[in-house]
Amino acid sequence: MPAGGTYGYASIRTDGLAIAALVIGILSVVCSVGCFGIALGPTAAIMGFISRQRVATSGGTLGGGTLAIIGLILGVVGFVLSVVWFFVVASGTFNNSTATPTP
């Protein structure tokens, strides 16, 4: 067995940006109700896109392409949910007024 224990294969490390894109993408979906997905969503999408490009051009030395794509998709979903939530709240659909009209 070689000293490194890899049997002649180079170890593939996961791109840190892919992990970050996944975490930020999850946060953008979870925090979309507070409209934080408007900022977190594009951040995750951009990070996922850049990471996917880095993985593709690394020649097999970087892994995490799937994590990057999932982070990108979750970022877009979180952004869309936040925008929809913003317009639902702004339209007054959830008006807390329970007053009855006076004659």
PDB file of N, CA and C in Angstrom:
ATOM      1  N   MET A   1       0.853  -1.176   0.000  1.00  0.00           N
ATOM      2  CA  MET A   1       0.000   0.000   0.000  1.00  0.00           C
ATOM      3  C   MET A   1       0.898   1.238   0.000  1.00  0.00           C
ATOM      4  N   PRO A   2       0.609   2.199  -0.874  1.00  0.00           N
ATOM      5  CA  PRO A   2       1.410   3.421  -0.896  1.00  0.00           C
ATOM      6  C   PRO A   2       1.267   4.205   0.416  1.00  0.00           C
ATOM      7  N   ALA A   3       2.224   5.080   0.629  1.00  0.00           N
ATOM      8  CA  ALA A   3       2.246   5.842   1.878  1.00  0.00           C
ATOM      9  C   ALA A   3       0.982   6.680   2.056  1.00  0.00           C
ATOM     10  N   GLY A   4       0.448   7.209   0.969  1.00  0.00           N
ATOM     11  CA  GLY A   4      -0.750   8.040   1.072  1.00  0.00           C
ATOM     12  C   GLY A   4      -2.019   7.237   1.247  1.00  0.00           C
ATOM     13  N   GLY A   5      -1.985   5.962   0.905  1.00  0.00           N
ATOM     14  CA  GLY A   5      -3.165   5.131   1.061  1.00  0.00           C
ATOM     15  C   GLY A   5      -4.200   5.319  -0.028  1.00  0.00           C
ATOM     16  N   THR A   6      -3.821   5.894  -1.172  1.00  0.00           N
ATOM     17  CA  THR A   6      -4.811   6.165  -2.218  1.00  0.00           C
ATOM     18  C   THR A   6      -4.722   5.186  -3.368  1.00  0.00           C
ATOM     19  N   TYR A   7      -3.803   4.233  -3.335  1.00  0.00           N
ATOM     20  CA  TYR A   7      -3.642   3.216  -4.368  1.00  0.00           C
ATOM     21  C   TYR A   7      -3.417   3.833  -5.741  1.00  0.00           C
ATOM     22  N   GLY A   8      -2.644   4.869  -5.814  1.00  0.00           N
ATOM     23  CA  GLY A   8      -2.292   5.458  -7.094  1.00  0.00           C
ATOM     24  C   GLY A   8      -3.291   6.452  -7.646  1.00  0.00           C
ATOM     25  N   TYR A   9      -4.406   6.643  -6.993  1.00  0.00           N
ATOM     26  CA  TYR A   9      -5.398   7.602  -7.463  1.00  0.00           C
ATOM     27  C   TYR A   9      -5.205   8.929  -6.734  1.00  0.00           C
ATOM     28  N   ALA A  10      -5.345   9.980  -7.472  1.00  0.00           N
ATOM     29  CA  ALA A  10      -5.282  11.297  -6.844  1.00  0.00           C
ATOM     30  C   ALA A  10      -6.588  11.542  -6.109  1.00  0.00           C
ATOM     31  N   SER A  11      -6.486  12.081  -4.936  1.00  0.00           N
ATOM     32  CA  SER A  11      -7.709  12.349  -4.188  1.00  0.00           C
ATOM     33  C   SER A  11      -8.409  13.569  -4.775  1.00  0.00           C
ATOM     34  N   ILE A  12      -9.691  13.434  -4.903  1.00  0.00           N
ATOM     35  CA  ILE A  12     -10.506  14.528  -5.437  1.00  0.00           C
ATOM     36  C   ILE A  12     -11.090  15.273  -4.250  1.00  0.00           C
ATOM     37  N   ARG A  13     -10.826  16.554  -4.179  1.00  0.00           N
ATOM     38  CA  ARG A  13     -11.387  17.340  -3.088  1.00  0.00           C
ATOM     39  C   ARG A  13     -12.594  18.118  -3.594  1.00  0.00           C
ATOM     40  N   THR A  14     -13.520  18.304  -2.699  1.00  0.00           N
ATOM     41  CA  THR A  14     -14.741  19.036  -3.035  1.00  0.00           C
ATOM     42  C   THR A  14     -14.453  20.529  -3.005  1.00  0.00           C
ATOM     43  N   ASP A  15     -14.915  21.209  -4.021  1.00  0.00           N
ATOM     44  CA  ASP A  15     -14.720  22.659  -4.092  1.00  0.00           C
ATOM     45  C   ASP A  15     -15.478  23.337  -2.957  1.00  0.00           C
ATOM     46  N   GLY A  16     -14.794  24.167  -2.207  1.00  0.00           N
ATOM     47  CA  GLY A  16     -15.415  24.867  -1.087  1.00  0.00           C
ATOM     48  C   GLY A  16     -16.519  25.814  -1.517  1.00  0.00           C
ATOM     49  N   LEU A  17     -16.379  26.369  -2.699  1.00  0.00           N
ATOM     50  CA  LEU A  17     -17.407  27.278  -3.209  1.00  0.00           C
ATOM     51  C   LEU A  17     -18.700  26.521  -3.501  1.00  0.00           C
ATOM     52  N   ALA A  18     -18.590  25.252  -3.884  1.00  0.00           N
ATOM     53  CA  ALA A  18     -19.785  24.436  -4.120  1.00  0.00           C
ATOM     54  C   ALA A  18     -20.522  24.189  -2.808  1.00  0.00           C
ATOM     55  N   ILE A  19     -19.776  23.906  -1.759  1.00  0.00           N
ATOM     56  CA  ILE A  19     -20.397  23.709  -0.446  1.00  0.00           C
ATOM     57  C   ILE A  19     -21.056  24.996   0.025  1.00  0.00           C
ATOM     58  N   ALA A  20     -20.370  26.110  -0.156  1.00  0.00           N
ATOM     59  CA  ALA A  20     -20.927  27.404   0.249  1.00  0.00           C
ATOM     60  C   ALA A  20     -22.187  27.730  -0.548  1.00  0.00           C
ATOM     61  N   ALA A  21     -22.192  27.420  -1.843  1.00  0.00           N
ATOM     62  CA  ALA A  21     -23.379  27.669  -2.671  1.00  0.00           C
ATOM     63  C   ALA A  21     -24.554  26.848  -2.179  1.00  0.00           C
ATOM     64  N   LEU A  22     -24.296  25.608  -1.792  1.00  0.00           N
ATOM     65  CA  LEU A  22     -25.368  24.753  -1.280  1.00  0.00           C
ATOM     66  C   LEU A  22     -25.926  25.304   0.030  1.00  0.00           C
ATOM     67  N   VAL A  23     -25.050  25.691   0.949  1.00  0.00           N
ATOM     68  CA  VAL A  23     -25.494  26.212   2.248  1.00  0.00           C
ATOM     69  C   VAL A  23     -26.275  27.511   2.066  1.00  0.00           C
ATOM     70  N   ILE A  24     -25.765  28.421   1.260  1.00  0.00           N
ATOM     71  CA  ILE A  24     -26.458  29.699   1.024  1.00  0.00           C
ATOM     72  C   ILE A  24     -27.775  29.454   0.282  1.00  0.00           C
ATOM     73  N   GLY A  25     -27.806  28.490  -0.627  1.00  0.00           N
ATOM     74  CA  GLY A  25     -29.047  28.163  -1.332  1.00  0.00           C
ATOM     75  C   GLY A  25     -30.109  27.642  -0.392  1.00  0.00           C
ATOM     76  N   ILE A  26     -29.705  26.770   0.536  1.00  0.00           N
ATOM     77  CA  ILE A  26     -30.659  26.271   1.533  1.00  0.00           C
ATOM     78  C   ILE A  26     -31.165  27.416   2.397  1.00  0.00           C
ATOM     79  N   LEU A  27     -30.271  28.290   2.819  1.00  0.00           N
ATOM     80  CA  LEU A  27     -30.684  29.442   3.629  1.00  0.00           C
ATOM     81  C   LEU A  27     -31.619  30.367   2.860  1.00  0.00           C
ATOM     82  N   SER A  28     -31.397  30.515   1.557  1.00  0.00           N
ATOM     83  CA  SER A  28     -32.269  31.406   0.780  1.00  0.00           C
ATOM     84  C   SER A  28     -33.686  30.870   0.707  1.00  0.00           C
ATOM     85  N   VAL A  29     -33.834  29.550   0.651  1.00  0.00           N
ATOM     86  CA  VAL A  29     -35.179  28.963   0.628  1.00  0.00           C
ATOM     87  C   VAL A  29     -35.822  29.068   2.007  1.00  0.00           C
ATOM     88  N   VAL A  30     -35.049  28.755   3.047  1.00  0.00           N
ATOM     89  CA  VAL A  30     -35.588  28.791   4.407  1.00  0.00           C
ATOM     90  C   VAL A  30     -35.955  30.220   4.811  1.00  0.00           C
ATOM     91  N   CYS A  31     -35.143  31.183   4.429  1.00  0.00           N
ATOM     92  CA  CYS A  31     -35.369  32.577   4.826  1.00  0.00           C
ATOM     93  C   CYS A  31     -36.157  33.371   3.793  1.00  0.00           C
ATOM     94  N   SER A  32     -36.784  32.701   2.844  1.00  0.00           N
ATOM     95  CA  SER A  32     -37.517  33.428   1.811  1.00  0.00           C
ATOM     96  C   SER A  32     -38.746  34.131   2.359  1.00  0.00           C
ATOM     97  N   VAL A  33     -39.292  33.640   3.475  1.00  0.00           N
ATOM     98  CA  VAL A  33     -40.465  34.281   4.073  1.00  0.00           C
ATOM     99  C   VAL A  33     -40.101  35.664   4.598  1.00  0.00           C
ATOM    100  N   GLY A  34     -38.910  35.825   5.094  1.00  0.00           N
ATOM    101  CA  GLY A  34     -38.466  37.131   5.575  1.00  0.00           C
ATOM    102  C   GLY A  34     -37.872  37.991   4.490  1.00  0.00           C
ATOM    103  N   CYS A  35     -38.017  37.581   3.249  1.00  0.00           N
ATOM    104  CA  CYS A  35     -37.494  38.275   2.069  1.00  0.00           C
ATOM    105  C   CYS A  35     -35.971  38.336   2.046  1.00  0.00           C
ATOM    106  N   PHE A  36     -35.291  37.497   2.853  1.00  0.00           N
ATOM    107  CA  PHE A  36     -33.836  37.447   2.799  1.00  0.00           C
ATOM    108  C   PHE A  36     -33.362  36.693   1.560  1.00  0.00           C
ATOM    109  N   GLY A  37     -34.248  35.934   0.948  1.00  0.00           N
ATOM    110  CA  GLY A  37     -33.906  35.216  -0.265  1.00  0.00           C
ATOM    111  C   GLY A  37     -33.613  36.134  -1.433  1.00  0.00           C
ATOM    112  N   ILE A  38     -34.069  37.381  -1.346  1.00  0.00           N
ATOM    113  CA  ILE A  38     -33.783  38.347  -2.413  1.00  0.00           C
ATOM    114  C   ILE A  38     -32.291  38.624  -2.487  1.00  0.00           C
ATOM    115  N   ALA A  39     -31.607  38.613  -1.359  1.00  0.00           N
ATOM    116  CA  ALA A  39     -30.156  38.806  -1.345  1.00  0.00           C
ATOM    117  C   ALA A  39     -29.403  37.478  -1.398  1.00  0.00           C
ATOM    118  N   LEU A  40     -29.904  36.476  -0.674  1.00  0.00           N
ATOM    119  CA  LEU A  40     -29.192  35.201  -0.594  1.00  0.00           C
ATOM    120  C   LEU A  40     -29.326  34.372  -1.869  1.00  0.00           C
ATOM    121  N   GLY A  41     -30.458  34.462  -2.542  1.00  0.00           N
ATOM    122  CA  GLY A  41     -30.697  33.669  -3.745  1.00  0.00           C
ATOM    123  C   GLY A  41     -29.707  33.938  -4.864  1.00  0.00           C
ATOM    124  N   PRO A  42     -29.576  35.190  -5.292  1.00  0.00           N
ATOM    125  CA  PRO A  42     -28.585  35.467  -6.344  1.00  0.00           C
ATOM    126  C   PRO A  42     -27.156  35.148  -5.915  1.00  0.00           C
ATOM    127  N   THR A  43     -26.860  35.325  -4.632  1.00  0.00           N
ATOM    128  CA  THR A  43     -25.525  34.990  -4.139  1.00  0.00           C
ATOM    129  C   THR A  43     -25.249  33.500  -4.329  1.00  0.00           C
ATOM    130  N   ALA A  44     -26.205  32.666  -3.941  1.00  0.00           N
ATOM    131  CA  ALA A  44     -26.044  31.225  -4.101  1.00  0.00           C
ATOM    132  C   ALA A  44     -25.971  30.834  -5.577  1.00  0.00           C
ATOM    133  N   ALA A  45     -26.782  31.472  -6.404  1.00  0.00           N
ATOM    134  CA  ALA A  45     -26.784  31.149  -7.826  1.00  0.00           C
ATOM    135  C   ALA A  45     -25.450  31.504  -8.477  1.00  0.00           C
ATOM    136  N   ILE A  46     -24.912  32.658  -8.151  1.00  0.00           N
ATOM    137  CA  ILE A  46     -23.628  33.076  -8.723  1.00  0.00           C
ATOM    138  C   ILE A  46     -22.502  32.169  -8.226  1.00  0.00           C
ATOM    139  N   MET A  47     -22.516  31.864  -6.925  1.00  0.00           N
ATOM    140  CA  MET A  47     -21.492  30.984  -6.378  1.00  0.00           C
ATOM    141  C   MET A  47     -21.575  29.590  -6.994  1.00  0.00           C
ATOM    142  N   GLY A  48     -22.778  29.078  -7.186  1.00  0.00           N
ATOM    143  CA  GLY A  48     -22.960  27.779  -7.805  1.00  0.00           C
ATOM    144  C   GLY A  48     -22.483  27.758  -9.249  1.00  0.00           C
ATOM    145  N   PHE A  49     -22.766  28.825  -9.974  1.00  0.00           N
ATOM    146  CA  PHE A  49     -22.333  28.916 -11.365  1.00  0.00           C
ATOM    147  C   PHE A  49     -20.811  28.948 -11.462  1.00  0.00           C
ATOM    148  N   ILE A  50     -20.190  29.786 -10.641  1.00  0.00           N
ATOM    149  CA  ILE A  50     -18.721  29.888 -10.657  1.00  0.00           C
ATOM    150  C   ILE A  50     -18.089  28.565 -10.241  1.00  0.00           C
ATOM    151  N   SER A  51     -18.627  27.935  -9.219  1.00  0.00           N
ATOM    152  CA  SER A  51     -18.080  26.671  -8.759  1.00  0.00           C
ATOM    153  C   SER A  51     -18.222  25.592  -9.824  1.00  0.00           C
ATOM    154  N   ARG A  52     -19.344  25.562 -10.502  1.00  0.00           N
ATOM    155  CA  ARG A  52     -19.541  24.563 -11.559  1.00  0.00           C
ATOM    156  C   ARG A  52     -18.513  24.740 -12.665  1.00  0.00           C
ATOM    157  N   GLN A  53     -18.210  25.980 -12.996  1.00  0.00           N
ATOM    158  CA  GLN A  53     -17.196  26.243 -14.012  1.00  0.00           C
ATOM    159  C   GLN A  53     -15.814  25.796 -13.534  1.00  0.00           C
ATOM    160  N   ARG A  54     -15.517  26.046 -12.265  1.00  0.00           N
ATOM    161  CA  ARG A  54     -14.228  25.639 -11.704  1.00  0.00           C
ATOM    162  C   ARG A  54     -14.082  24.124 -11.703  1.00  0.00           C
ATOM    163  N   VAL A  55     -15.153  23.418 -11.360  1.00  0.00           N
ATOM    164  CA  VAL A  55     -15.120  21.953 -11.346  1.00  0.00           C
ATOM    165  C   VAL A  55     -14.945  21.420 -12.770  1.00  0.00           C
ATOM    166  N   ALA A  56     -15.648  22.022 -13.712  1.00  0.00           N
ATOM    167  CA  ALA A  56     -15.589  21.551 -15.100  1.00  0.00           C
ATOM    168  C   ALA A  56     -14.212  21.752 -15.714  1.00  0.00           C
ATOM    169  N   THR A  57     -13.533  22.811 -15.358  1.00  0.00           N
ATOM    170  CA  THR A  57     -12.224  23.103 -15.949  1.00  0.00           C
ATOM    171  C   THR A  57     -11.061  22.580 -15.112  1.00  0.00           C
ATOM    172  N   SER A  58     -11.328  21.880 -14.035  1.00  0.00           N
ATOM    173  CA  SER A  58     -10.242  21.419 -13.164  1.00  0.00           C
ATOM    174  C   SER A  58      -9.570  20.150 -13.663  1.00  0.00           C
ATOM    175  N   GLY A  59     -10.120  19.523 -14.657  1.00  0.00           N
ATOM    176  CA  GLY A  59      -9.532  18.302 -15.164  1.00  0.00           C
ATOM    177  C   GLY A  59      -9.704  17.113 -14.233  1.00  0.00           C
ATOM    178  N   GLY A  60     -10.726  17.127 -13.425  1.00  0.00           N
ATOM    179  CA  GLY A  60     -10.999  16.012 -12.528  1.00  0.00           C
ATOM    180  C   GLY A  60     -10.366  16.112 -11.155  1.00  0.00           C
ATOM    181  N   THR A  61      -9.690  17.215 -10.880  1.00  0.00           N
ATOM    182  CA  THR A  61      -9.077  17.354  -9.557  1.00  0.00           C
ATOM    183  C   THR A  61     -10.024  17.945  -8.530  1.00  0.00           C
ATOM    184  N   LEU A  62     -11.088  18.571  -8.982  1.00  0.00           N
ATOM    185  CA  LEU A  62     -12.087  19.137  -8.072  1.00  0.00           C
ATOM    186  C   LEU A  62     -13.404  18.400  -8.248  1.00  0.00           C
ATOM    187  N   GLY A  63     -14.075  18.164  -7.143  1.00  0.00           N
ATOM    188  CA  GLY A  63     -15.402  17.575  -7.165  1.00  0.00           C
ATOM    189  C   GLY A  63     -16.417  18.566  -6.639  1.00  0.00           C
ATOM    190  N   GLY A  64     -17.656  18.162  -6.613  1.00  0.00           N
ATOM    191  CA  GLY A  64     -18.701  19.016  -6.064  1.00  0.00           C
ATOM    192  C   GLY A  64     -19.555  19.684  -7.109  1.00  0.00           C
ATOM    193  N   GLY A  65     -19.504  19.208  -8.335  1.00  0.00           N
ATOM    194  CA  GLY A  65     -20.325  19.807  -9.385  1.00  0.00           C
ATOM    195  C   GLY A  65     -21.811  19.690  -9.103  1.00  0.00           C
ATOM    196  N   THR A  66     -22.217  18.558  -8.542  1.00  0.00           N
ATOM    197  CA  THR A  66     -23.628  18.370  -8.205  1.00  0.00           C
ATOM    198  C   THR A  66     -24.049  19.306  -7.085  1.00  0.00           C
ATOM    199  N   LEU A  67     -23.185  19.484  -6.098  1.00  0.00           N
ATOM    200  CA  LEU A  67     -23.491  20.423  -5.015  1.00  0.00           C
ATOM    201  C   LEU A  67     -23.647  21.836  -5.563  1.00  0.00           C
ATOM    202  N   ALA A  68     -22.797  22.202  -6.515  1.00  0.00           N
ATOM    203  CA  ALA A  68     -22.875  23.532  -7.105  1.00  0.00           C
ATOM    204  C   ALA A  68     -24.187  23.735  -7.854  1.00  0.00           C
ATOM    205  N   ILE A  69     -24.613  22.726  -8.599  1.00  0.00           N
ATOM    206  CA  ILE A  69     -25.871  22.835  -9.354  1.00  0.00           C
ATOM    207  C   ILE A  69     -27.062  22.911  -8.409  1.00  0.00           C
ATOM    208  N   ILE A  70     -27.046  22.095  -7.354  1.00  0.00           N
ATOM    209  CA  ILE A  70     -28.146  22.137  -6.384  1.00  0.00           C
ATOM    210  C   ILE A  70     -28.183  23.494  -5.685  1.00  0.00           C
ATOM    211  N   GLY A  71     -27.018  24.034  -5.328  1.00  0.00           N
ATOM    212  CA  GLY A  71     -26.962  25.368  -4.722  1.00  0.00           C
ATOM    213  C   GLY A  71     -27.493  26.432  -5.655  1.00  0.00           C
ATOM    214  N   LEU A  72     -27.147  26.324  -6.935  1.00  0.00           N
ATOM    215  CA  LEU A  72     -27.633  27.278  -7.932  1.00  0.00           C
ATOM    216  C   LEU A  72     -29.154  27.212  -8.038  1.00  0.00           C
ATOM    217  N   ILE A  73     -29.693  26.010  -8.128  1.00  0.00           N
ATOM    218  CA  ILE A  73     -31.149  25.841  -8.254  1.00  0.00           C
ATOM    219  C   ILE A  73     -31.864  26.334  -7.002  1.00  0.00           C
ATOM    220  N   LEU A  74     -31.347  25.987  -5.830  1.00  0.00           N
ATOM    221  CA  LEU A  74     -31.974  26.450  -4.583  1.00  0.00           C
ATOM    222  C   LEU A  74     -31.908  27.968  -4.460  1.00  0.00           C
ATOM    223  N   GLY A  75     -30.827  28.567  -4.944  1.00  0.00           N
ATOM    224  CA  GLY A  75     -30.720  30.027  -4.930  1.00  0.00           C
ATOM    225  C   GLY A  75     -31.790  30.681  -5.777  1.00  0.00           C
ATOM    226  N   VAL A  76     -32.023  30.128  -6.967  1.00  0.00           N
ATOM    227  CA  VAL A  76     -33.063  30.675  -7.851  1.00  0.00           C
ATOM    228  C   VAL A  76     -34.440  30.486  -7.217  1.00  0.00           C
ATOM    229  N   VAL A  77     -34.684  29.299  -6.647  1.00  0.00           N
ATOM    230  CA  VAL A  77     -35.979  29.029  -5.999  1.00  0.00           C
ATOM    231  C   VAL A  77     -36.187  29.964  -4.812  1.00  0.00           C
ATOM    232  N   GLY A  78     -35.162  30.155  -3.995  1.00  0.00           N
ATOM    233  CA  GLY A  78     -35.267  31.056  -2.845  1.00  0.00           C
ATOM    234  C   GLY A  78     -35.549  32.488  -3.267  1.00  0.00           C
ATOM    235  N   PHE A  79     -34.902  32.925  -4.355  1.00  0.00           N
ATOM    236  CA  PHE A  79     -35.138  34.280  -4.855  1.00  0.00           C
ATOM    237  C   PHE A  79     -36.577  34.435  -5.339  1.00  0.00           C
ATOM    238  N   VAL A  80     -37.051  33.475  -6.115  1.00  0.00           N
ATOM    239  CA  VAL A  80     -38.426  33.546  -6.642  1.00  0.00           C
ATOM    240  C   VAL A  80     -39.438  33.520  -5.501  1.00  0.00           C
ATOM    241  N   LEU A  81     -39.234  32.643  -4.529  1.00  0.00           N
ATOM    242  CA  LEU A  81     -40.156  32.595  -3.383  1.00  0.00           C
ATOM    243  C   LEU A  81     -40.167  33.914  -2.621  1.00  0.00           C
ATOM    244  N   SER A  82     -39.014  34.531  -2.455  1.00  0.00           N
ATOM    245  CA  SER A  82     -38.958  35.811  -1.743  1.00  0.00           C
ATOM    246  C   SER A  82     -39.683  36.913  -2.498  1.00  0.00           C
ATOM    247  N   VAL A  83     -39.516  36.932  -3.805  1.00  0.00           N
ATOM    248  CA  VAL A  83     -40.193  37.957  -4.611  1.00  0.00           C
ATOM    249  C   VAL A  83     -41.710  37.747  -4.553  1.00  0.00           C
ATOM    250  N   VAL A  84     -42.145  36.509  -4.673  1.00  0.00           N
ATOM    251  CA  VAL A  84     -43.587  36.220  -4.583  1.00  0.00           C
ATOM    252  C   VAL A  84     -44.106  36.600  -3.206  1.00  0.00           C
ATOM    253  N   TRP A  85     -43.372  36.233  -2.150  1.00  0.00           N
ATOM    254  CA  TRP A  85     -43.794  36.571  -0.791  1.00  0.00           C
ATOM    255  C   TRP A  85     -43.869  38.082  -0.605  1.00  0.00           C
ATOM    256  N   PHE A  86     -42.902  38.822  -1.152  1.00  0.00           N
ATOM    257  CA  PHE A  86     -42.916  40.275  -1.052  1.00  0.00           C
ATOM    258  C   PHE A  86     -44.177  40.856  -1.677  1.00  0.00           C
ATOM    259  N   PHE A  87     -44.532  40.383  -2.870  1.00  0.00           N
ATOM    260  CA  PHE A  87     -45.716  40.922  -3.539  1.00  0.00           C
ATOM    261  C   PHE A  87     -47.014  40.499  -2.855  1.00  0.00           C
ATOM    262  N   VAL A  88     -47.023  39.319  -2.251  1.00  0.00           N
ATOM    263  CA  VAL A  88     -48.214  38.895  -1.496  1.00  0.00           C
ATOM    264  C   VAL A  88     -48.403  39.798  -0.284  1.00  0.00           C
ATOM    265  N   VAL A  89     -47.328  40.084   0.429  1.00  0.00           N
ATOM    266  CA  VAL A  89     -47.423  40.948   1.609  1.00  0.00           C
ATOM    267  C   VAL A  89     -47.739  42.385   1.196  1.00  0.00           C
ATOM    268  N   ALA A  90     -47.109  42.863   0.119  1.00  0.00           N
ATOM    269  CA  ALA A  90     -47.333  44.237  -0.326  1.00  0.00           C
ATOM    270  C   ALA A  90     -48.750  44.445  -0.848  1.00  0.00           C
ATOM    271  N   SER A  91     -49.365  43.398  -1.372  1.00  0.00           N
ATOM    272  CA  SER A  91     -50.718  43.551  -1.907  1.00  0.00           C
ATOM    273  C   SER A  91     -51.770  43.622  -0.804  1.00  0.00           C
ATOM    274  N   GLY A  92     -51.386  43.285   0.400  1.00  0.00           N
ATOM    275  CA  GLY A  92     -52.324  43.354   1.514  1.00  0.00           C
ATOM    276  C   GLY A  92     -53.180  42.130   1.659  1.00  0.00           C
ATOM    277  N   THR A  93     -52.780  41.032   1.075  1.00  0.00           N
ATOM    278  CA  THR A  93     -53.557  39.803   1.168  1.00  0.00           C
ATOM    279  C   THR A  93     -53.675  39.341   2.610  1.00  0.00           C
ATOM    280  N   PHE A  94     -52.620  39.529   3.375  1.00  0.00           N
ATOM    281  CA  PHE A  94     -52.615  39.123   4.773  1.00  0.00           C
ATOM    282  C   PHE A  94     -52.871  40.333   5.667  1.00  0.00           C
ATOM    283  N   ASN A  95     -53.965  40.999   5.464  1.00  0.00           N
ATOM    284  CA  ASN A  95     -54.314  42.167   6.263  1.00  0.00           C
ATOM    285  C   ASN A  95     -54.869  41.670   7.593  1.00  0.00           C
ATOM    286  N   ASN A  96     -54.325  42.124   8.688  1.00  0.00           N
ATOM    287  CA  ASN A  96     -54.732  41.681  10.013  1.00  0.00           C
ATOM    288  C   ASN A  96     -55.960  42.413  10.548  1.00  0.00           C
ATOM    289  N   SER A  97     -56.512  43.273   9.758  1.00  0.00           N
ATOM    290  CA  SER A  97     -57.659  44.025  10.202  1.00  0.00           C
ATOM    291  C   SER A  97     -58.885  43.131  10.277  1.00  0.00           C
ATOM    292  N   THR A  98     -59.516  43.094  11.459  1.00  0.00           N
ATOM    293  CA  THR A  98     -60.724  42.284  11.629  1.00  0.00           C
ATOM    294  C   THR A  98     -61.932  43.188  11.893  1.00  0.00           C
ATOM    295  N   ALA A  99     -61.743  44.456  11.665  1.00  0.00           N
ATOM    296  CA  ALA A  99     -62.839  45.397  11.919  1.00  0.00           C
ATOM    297  C   ALA A  99     -63.958  45.179  10.895  1.00  0.00           C
ATOM    298  N   THR A 100     -65.164  45.323  11.369  1.00  0.00           N
ATOM    299  CA  THR A 100     -66.307  45.203  10.475  1.00  0.00           C
ATOM    300  C   THR A 100     -66.695  46.600  10.013  1.00  0.00           C
ATOM    301  N   PRO A 101     -67.175  46.701   8.812  1.00  0.00           N
ATOM    302  CA  PRO A 101     -67.564  48.027   8.301  1.00  0.00           C
ATOM    303  C   PRO A 101     -68.745  48.584   9.089  1.00  0.00           C
ATOM    304  N   THR A 102     -68.709  49.862   9.351  1.00  0.00           N
ATOM    305  CA  THR A 102     -69.805  50.500  10.075  1.00  0.00           C
ATOM    306  C   THR A 102     -70.815  51.028   9.072  1.00  0.00           C
ATOM    307  N   PRO A 103     -72.081  50.910   9.411  1.00  0.00           N
ATOM    308  CA  PRO A 103     -73.116  51.394   8.481  1.00  0.00           C
ATOM    309  C   PRO A 103     -73.225  52.899   8.449  1.00  0.00           C
TER     310      PRO A 103
END
